[in-house]
Amino acid sequence: MIERSDITATLIDLLPEDQRLTLREATLTWYMNIRANGGCRLTKRGYETLCQMDLQTWYVDIDPKSIRKRTLLELDRKIQFPFYLDTKNRRLVLFGSREAMMATLYGNISAWLNSISR
């Protein structure tokens, strides 16, 4: 499994020199769960930063009512790459192509998460 700190360090290297952050600063501002073993759910600022990098994104339509606390915990534990929960536009934004493909094929976030063993 890829570590969030490795992903974050790689993303920091993609930033222009004048916008570079330390690993700690990036973790504190980009992720919802800032613990060392925390997941990859992005804050709005983290999402906007990654969007400015022109990274490829995939969108999975969601029903915001289906996103419960348990679902948020499962997303945080099981998704390996950064993701953003955009409830305003009713979608899950994924930065991992394999995860996006699987989520799209399942068509249901809960069923997809149940299929992931971690």
N, C-alpha and C. Protein backbone atom coordinates (compact mmCIF):
# COMPACT_ATOMS: atom_id res chain seq x y z
N MET A 1 0.84 -1.18 0.00
CA MET A 1 0.00 0.00 0.00
C MET A 1 0.88 1.24 0.00
N ILE A 2 0.51 2.19 -0.77
CA ILE A 2 1.25 3.45 -0.87
C ILE A 2 0.93 4.31 0.35
N GLU A 3 1.94 4.90 0.93
CA GLU A 3 1.76 5.77 2.10
C GLU A 3 1.33 7.16 1.66
N ARG A 4 0.46 7.76 2.45
CA ARG A 4 -0.01 9.11 2.16
C ARG A 4 1.15 10.10 2.14
N SER A 5 2.12 9.92 3.02
CA SER A 5 3.26 10.84 3.07
C SER A 5 4.06 10.79 1.77
N ASP A 6 4.18 9.60 1.16
CA ASP A 6 4.88 9.48 -0.13
C ASP A 6 4.12 10.20 -1.24
N ILE A 7 2.80 10.03 -1.25
CA ILE A 7 1.97 10.71 -2.24
C ILE A 7 2.09 12.23 -2.07
N THR A 8 2.01 12.67 -0.82
CA THR A 8 2.08 14.10 -0.52
C THR A 8 3.43 14.68 -0.94
N ALA A 9 4.50 13.98 -0.65
CA ALA A 9 5.84 14.45 -1.03
C ALA A 9 5.96 14.57 -2.55
N THR A 10 5.41 13.62 -3.27
CA THR A 10 5.43 13.68 -4.73
C THR A 10 4.63 14.87 -5.24
N LEU A 11 3.47 15.10 -4.63
CA LEU A 11 2.64 16.24 -5.04
C LEU A 11 3.32 17.57 -4.73
N ILE A 12 4.00 17.65 -3.61
CA ILE A 12 4.73 18.88 -3.26
C ILE A 12 5.78 19.18 -4.32
N ASP A 13 6.45 18.14 -4.80
CA ASP A 13 7.48 18.33 -5.84
C ASP A 13 6.89 18.86 -7.14
N LEU A 14 5.59 18.64 -7.37
CA LEU A 14 4.94 19.12 -8.59
C LEU A 14 4.54 20.60 -8.50
N LEU A 15 4.56 21.14 -7.29
CA LEU A 15 4.21 22.55 -7.10
C LEU A 15 5.32 23.45 -7.63
N PRO A 16 4.94 24.63 -8.11
CA PRO A 16 5.98 25.60 -8.48
C PRO A 16 6.82 25.94 -7.25
N GLU A 17 8.06 26.27 -7.48
CA GLU A 17 9.03 26.52 -6.40
C GLU A 17 8.50 27.53 -5.37
N ASP A 18 7.84 28.58 -5.81
CA ASP A 18 7.38 29.62 -4.89
C ASP A 18 6.14 29.21 -4.08
N GLN A 19 5.53 28.07 -4.42
CA GLN A 19 4.35 27.60 -3.70
C GLN A 19 4.61 26.34 -2.88
N ARG A 20 5.85 25.93 -2.80
CA ARG A 20 6.19 24.68 -2.11
C ARG A 20 5.90 24.78 -0.61
N LEU A 21 5.44 23.69 -0.07
CA LEU A 21 5.15 23.57 1.35
C LEU A 21 6.02 22.47 1.94
N THR A 22 6.12 22.46 3.24
CA THR A 22 6.76 21.32 3.89
C THR A 22 5.73 20.19 3.92
N LEU A 23 6.20 18.99 4.20
CA LEU A 23 5.29 17.85 4.29
C LEU A 23 4.26 18.09 5.40
N ARG A 24 4.69 18.63 6.49
CA ARG A 24 3.78 18.92 7.61
C ARG A 24 2.73 19.97 7.22
N GLU A 25 3.16 21.05 6.57
CA GLU A 25 2.21 22.09 6.15
C GLU A 25 1.19 21.53 5.17
N ALA A 26 1.64 20.74 4.22
CA ALA A 26 0.74 20.16 3.24
C ALA A 26 -0.26 19.22 3.92
N THR A 27 0.22 18.41 4.84
CA THR A 27 -0.67 17.49 5.55
C THR A 27 -1.72 18.24 6.35
N LEU A 28 -1.31 19.30 7.01
CA LEU A 28 -2.24 20.08 7.84
C LEU A 28 -3.30 20.81 7.01
N THR A 29 -2.94 21.24 5.81
CA THR A 29 -3.88 22.03 5.02
C THR A 29 -4.62 21.24 3.94
N TRP A 30 -4.06 20.14 3.50
CA TRP A 30 -4.67 19.40 2.39
C TRP A 30 -5.62 18.29 2.83
N TYR A 31 -5.42 17.72 4.00
CA TYR A 31 -6.18 16.53 4.39
C TYR A 31 -7.10 16.77 5.56
N MET A 32 -8.25 16.10 5.52
CA MET A 32 -9.23 16.21 6.61
C MET A 32 -8.70 15.53 7.87
N ASN A 33 -8.08 14.38 7.72
CA ASN A 33 -7.55 13.62 8.84
C ASN A 33 -6.04 13.82 8.85
N ILE A 34 -5.54 14.59 9.81
CA ILE A 34 -4.12 14.94 9.78
C ILE A 34 -3.24 13.97 10.54
N ARG A 35 -3.83 12.93 11.14
CA ARG A 35 -3.02 11.94 11.84
C ARG A 35 -2.08 11.24 10.87
N ALA A 36 -0.97 10.74 11.38
CA ALA A 36 0.04 10.08 10.54
C ALA A 36 -0.55 8.91 9.76
N ASN A 37 -1.49 8.19 10.36
CA ASN A 37 -2.10 7.06 9.67
C ASN A 37 -3.46 7.42 9.07
N GLY A 38 -3.72 8.72 8.93
CA GLY A 38 -4.99 9.21 8.41
C GLY A 38 -5.14 8.91 6.93
N GLY A 39 -6.35 9.06 6.46
CA GLY A 39 -6.68 8.77 5.07
C GLY A 39 -6.36 9.93 4.14
N CYS A 40 -6.81 9.80 2.91
CA CYS A 40 -6.48 10.77 1.86
C CYS A 40 -7.64 11.68 1.48
N ARG A 41 -8.63 11.82 2.36
CA ARG A 41 -9.74 12.74 2.05
C ARG A 41 -9.22 14.17 2.09
N LEU A 42 -9.46 14.89 1.02
CA LEU A 42 -8.95 16.25 0.89
C LEU A 42 -9.89 17.29 1.47
N THR A 43 -9.31 18.36 1.97
CA THR A 43 -10.07 19.54 2.33
C THR A 43 -10.35 20.30 1.04
N LYS A 44 -11.16 21.33 1.13
CA LYS A 44 -11.43 22.14 -0.06
C LYS A 44 -10.13 22.75 -0.58
N ARG A 45 -9.29 23.23 0.33
CA ARG A 45 -8.01 23.82 -0.08
C ARG A 45 -7.10 22.77 -0.75
N GLY A 46 -7.07 21.58 -0.20
CA GLY A 46 -6.29 20.50 -0.80
C GLY A 46 -6.79 20.15 -2.19
N TYR A 47 -8.11 20.07 -2.31
CA TYR A 47 -8.71 19.77 -3.61
C TYR A 47 -8.37 20.85 -4.64
N GLU A 48 -8.51 22.09 -4.25
CA GLU A 48 -8.20 23.20 -5.16
C GLU A 48 -6.73 23.20 -5.56
N THR A 49 -5.84 22.88 -4.61
CA THR A 49 -4.41 22.81 -4.92
C THR A 49 -4.12 21.72 -5.93
N LEU A 50 -4.70 20.55 -5.74
CA LEU A 50 -4.47 19.44 -6.67
C LEU A 50 -5.08 19.73 -8.04
N CYS A 51 -6.20 20.42 -8.06
CA CYS A 51 -6.81 20.79 -9.35
C CYS A 51 -5.92 21.75 -10.13
N GLN A 52 -5.22 22.63 -9.44
CA GLN A 52 -4.31 23.57 -10.09
C GLN A 52 -3.12 22.87 -10.70
N MET A 53 -2.84 21.66 -10.26
CA MET A 53 -1.70 20.90 -10.78
C MET A 53 -2.04 20.18 -12.09
N ASP A 54 -3.24 20.29 -12.55
CA ASP A 54 -3.69 19.62 -13.77
C ASP A 54 -3.57 18.10 -13.68
N LEU A 55 -3.84 17.56 -12.52
CA LEU A 55 -3.85 16.11 -12.35
C LEU A 55 -5.16 15.57 -12.93
N GLN A 56 -5.12 14.35 -13.40
CA GLN A 56 -6.32 13.76 -13.95
C GLN A 56 -7.28 13.41 -12.83
N THR A 57 -8.54 13.75 -13.02
CA THR A 57 -9.56 13.48 -12.01
C THR A 57 -10.70 12.69 -12.64
N TRP A 58 -11.37 11.93 -11.79
CA TRP A 58 -12.54 11.18 -12.20
C TRP A 58 -13.66 11.50 -11.24
N TYR A 59 -14.88 11.54 -11.77
CA TYR A 59 -16.03 11.91 -10.97
C TYR A 59 -17.01 10.73 -10.89
N VAL A 60 -17.46 10.46 -9.68
CA VAL A 60 -18.45 9.42 -9.45
C VAL A 60 -19.65 10.09 -8.80
N ASP A 61 -20.81 9.99 -9.45
CA ASP A 61 -22.02 10.58 -8.90
C ASP A 61 -22.41 9.88 -7.61
N ILE A 62 -22.86 10.66 -6.65
CA ILE A 62 -23.27 10.11 -5.36
C ILE A 62 -24.59 10.73 -4.93
N ASP A 63 -25.25 10.05 -4.05
CA ASP A 63 -26.41 10.59 -3.36
C ASP A 63 -25.91 11.05 -1.99
N PRO A 64 -25.88 12.35 -1.75
CA PRO A 64 -25.33 12.83 -0.47
C PRO A 64 -26.00 12.19 0.76
N LYS A 65 -27.26 11.78 0.62
CA LYS A 65 -27.95 11.14 1.74
C LYS A 65 -27.36 9.77 2.07
N SER A 66 -26.69 9.17 1.10
CA SER A 66 -26.11 7.84 1.33
C SER A 66 -24.75 7.92 2.03
N ILE A 67 -24.20 9.10 2.16
CA ILE A 67 -22.89 9.27 2.81
C ILE A 67 -23.12 9.50 4.30
N ARG A 68 -22.90 8.44 5.04
CA ARG A 68 -23.05 8.49 6.49
C ARG A 68 -21.66 8.50 7.14
N LYS A 69 -21.63 8.63 8.45
CA LYS A 69 -20.34 8.65 9.15
C LYS A 69 -19.55 7.39 8.88
N ARG A 70 -20.23 6.26 8.85
CA ARG A 70 -19.56 4.98 8.58
C ARG A 70 -18.94 4.98 7.19
N THR A 71 -19.66 5.54 6.23
CA THR A 71 -19.16 5.62 4.85
C THR A 71 -17.92 6.49 4.78
N LEU A 72 -17.92 7.60 5.50
CA LEU A 72 -16.76 8.49 5.54
C LEU A 72 -15.54 7.77 6.12
N LEU A 73 -15.77 7.00 7.18
CA LEU A 73 -14.67 6.23 7.78
C LEU A 73 -14.13 5.19 6.80
N GLU A 74 -15.03 4.52 6.10
CA GLU A 74 -14.61 3.51 5.13
C GLU A 74 -13.84 4.15 3.97
N LEU A 75 -14.31 5.27 3.49
CA LEU A 75 -13.59 5.98 2.43
C LEU A 75 -12.19 6.33 2.90
N ASP A 76 -12.10 6.85 4.10
CA ASP A 76 -10.82 7.27 4.66
C ASP A 76 -9.86 6.09 4.84
N ARG A 77 -10.38 4.95 5.21
CA ARG A 77 -9.54 3.78 5.46
C ARG A 77 -9.14 3.04 4.18
N LYS A 78 -10.03 3.03 3.20
CA LYS A 78 -9.84 2.13 2.07
C LYS A 78 -9.35 2.78 0.78
N ILE A 79 -9.58 4.07 0.60
CA ILE A 79 -9.14 4.72 -0.64
C ILE A 79 -7.67 5.09 -0.50
N GLN A 80 -6.90 4.68 -1.48
CA GLN A 80 -5.45 4.79 -1.41
C GLN A 80 -4.92 6.13 -1.91
N PHE A 81 -5.64 6.77 -2.82
CA PHE A 81 -5.19 8.03 -3.40
C PHE A 81 -6.10 9.17 -2.96
N PRO A 82 -5.64 10.42 -3.09
CA PRO A 82 -6.46 11.54 -2.66
C PRO A 82 -7.85 11.54 -3.31
N PHE A 83 -8.83 11.98 -2.52
CA PHE A 83 -10.20 12.09 -3.02
C PHE A 83 -10.87 13.26 -2.32
N TYR A 84 -11.91 13.78 -2.97
CA TYR A 84 -12.64 14.91 -2.41
C TYR A 84 -14.12 14.60 -2.50
N LEU A 85 -14.83 14.80 -1.42
CA LEU A 85 -16.27 14.59 -1.38
C LEU A 85 -16.95 15.92 -1.65
N ASP A 86 -17.50 16.06 -2.84
CA ASP A 86 -18.13 17.30 -3.27
C ASP A 86 -19.65 17.14 -3.18
N THR A 87 -20.19 17.39 -1.98
CA THR A 87 -21.62 17.19 -1.77
C THR A 87 -22.46 18.24 -2.51
N LYS A 88 -21.90 19.41 -2.71
CA LYS A 88 -22.64 20.46 -3.42
C LYS A 88 -22.99 20.00 -4.85
N ASN A 89 -22.02 19.40 -5.52
CA ASN A 89 -22.24 18.92 -6.89
C ASN A 89 -22.59 17.43 -6.95
N ARG A 90 -22.80 16.84 -5.76
CA ARG A 90 -23.23 15.45 -5.65
C ARG A 90 -22.29 14.47 -6.35
N ARG A 91 -21.00 14.57 -5.99
CA ARG A 91 -20.03 13.68 -6.62
C ARG A 91 -18.84 13.44 -5.71
N LEU A 92 -18.21 12.32 -5.97
CA LEU A 92 -16.95 11.96 -5.33
C LEU A 92 -15.88 12.17 -6.38
N VAL A 93 -14.88 12.97 -6.06
CA VAL A 93 -13.80 13.27 -7.00
C VAL A 93 -12.61 12.40 -6.61
N LEU A 94 -12.17 11.57 -7.55
CA LEU A 94 -11.07 10.65 -7.29
C LEU A 94 -9.85 11.01 -8.12
N PHE A 95 -8.68 10.81 -7.55
CA PHE A 95 -7.42 11.06 -8.25
C PHE A 95 -6.69 9.75 -8.57
N GLY A 96 -7.33 8.63 -8.32
CA GLY A 96 -6.76 7.32 -8.65
C GLY A 96 -7.62 6.66 -9.71
N SER A 97 -7.03 6.31 -10.85
CA SER A 97 -7.81 5.78 -11.97
C SER A 97 -8.43 4.41 -11.67
N ARG A 98 -7.69 3.54 -11.01
CA ARG A 98 -8.23 2.21 -10.72
C ARG A 98 -9.42 2.32 -9.77
N GLU A 99 -9.28 3.15 -8.75
CA GLU A 99 -10.37 3.35 -7.80
C GLU A 99 -11.60 3.94 -8.49
N ALA A 100 -11.37 4.88 -9.37
CA ALA A 100 -12.47 5.50 -10.10
C ALA A 100 -13.19 4.48 -10.98
N MET A 101 -12.43 3.63 -11.64
CA MET A 101 -13.03 2.62 -12.50
C MET A 101 -13.89 1.66 -11.67
N MET A 102 -13.36 1.21 -10.56
CA MET A 102 -14.09 0.27 -9.72
C MET A 102 -15.35 0.92 -9.11
N ALA A 103 -15.23 2.14 -8.66
CA ALA A 103 -16.38 2.84 -8.09
C ALA A 103 -17.47 3.02 -9.15
N THR A 104 -17.07 3.34 -10.37
CA THR A 104 -18.02 3.52 -11.45
C THR A 104 -18.70 2.20 -11.81
N LEU A 105 -17.93 1.13 -11.86
CA LEU A 105 -18.50 -0.18 -12.19
C LEU A 105 -19.51 -0.64 -11.14
N TYR A 106 -19.20 -0.42 -9.88
CA TYR A 106 -20.13 -0.80 -8.82
C TYR A 106 -21.36 0.08 -8.83
N GLY A 107 -21.19 1.37 -9.10
CA GLY A 107 -22.33 2.28 -9.16
C GLY A 107 -22.92 2.63 -7.80
N ASN A 108 -22.43 2.03 -6.75
CA ASN A 108 -22.92 2.26 -5.41
C ASN A 108 -21.69 2.33 -4.50
N ILE A 109 -21.50 3.45 -3.84
CA ILE A 109 -20.31 3.66 -3.03
C ILE A 109 -20.19 2.61 -1.92
N SER A 110 -21.28 2.33 -1.24
CA SER A 110 -21.22 1.35 -0.14
C SER A 110 -20.84 -0.04 -0.64
N ALA A 111 -21.45 -0.49 -1.74
CA ALA A 111 -21.12 -1.80 -2.29
C ALA A 111 -19.65 -1.86 -2.72
N TRP A 112 -19.19 -0.79 -3.33
CA TRP A 112 -17.79 -0.73 -3.75
C TRP A 112 -16.86 -0.82 -2.56
N LEU A 113 -17.13 -0.03 -1.52
CA LEU A 113 -16.28 -0.04 -0.33
C LEU A 113 -16.29 -1.40 0.35
N ASN A 114 -17.44 -2.08 0.36
CA ASN A 114 -17.51 -3.41 0.95
C ASN A 114 -16.67 -4.43 0.19
N SER A 115 -16.44 -4.17 -1.09
CA SER A 115 -15.66 -5.11 -1.91
C SER A 115 -14.15 -4.94 -1.70
N ILE A 116 -13.75 -3.83 -1.10
CA ILE A 116 -12.32 -3.56 -0.89
C ILE A 116 -11.91 -4.17 0.44
N SER A 117 -10.89 -4.99 0.39
CA SER A 117 -10.40 -5.59 1.64
C SER A 117 -9.09 -4.92 2.06
N ARG A 118 -9.14 -4.17 3.15
CA ARG A 118 -7.96 -3.52 3.73
C ARG A 118 -8.12 -3.50 5.20
